[in-house]
Amino acid sequence: QLQFVESGGGLVQPGGSLTLSCTASGFTLGGRAIGWFRQAPGKVREVVGCISGNGEETNYKGIAKGRFTISRDNAKNTVYLQMNDLKVEDTAIYSCARDAFDFHGPHYFPHPADCDYWGQGTQVTVSS
């Protein structure tokens, strides 16, 4: 089955940290941008940030700036989302996806409709 295999989610207290991993199964990252998305209960899916094909550029939405870091290891076909200073409102199912494109520049974010492979999602719960 062609999908990302995700891991690293769980329960964490406010202010804590988690690192999510997303490994491609059956395909390669292929120099494409990779996006991280999340969906909270009762809310629409939103993009958290993205990383360029060579890993040199990352863009983050305001919800993630200064707290989240996206990285990738193309040799391992794996993308990471490190999350620090987690807040209750970060509670959501987090997914990664491969974009149809690569990007250059600070204003690009992938659109879900342009992503071909997705992870199954991993639950992140921030609660005291």
Foldseek 3Di string as FASTA:
>chain_A
DWAWAKDWADEAAAQAKIKMKTATDPDFLVQFKKWKWWDDPPGDIDTAKIAGSVRPDIEGDPVQPPFWDWGDDRVRRMIMIIGGRDDQVVWTWMKMFTFQHGDDDHPDDGDPVRTDHMYPTDTHGYHD
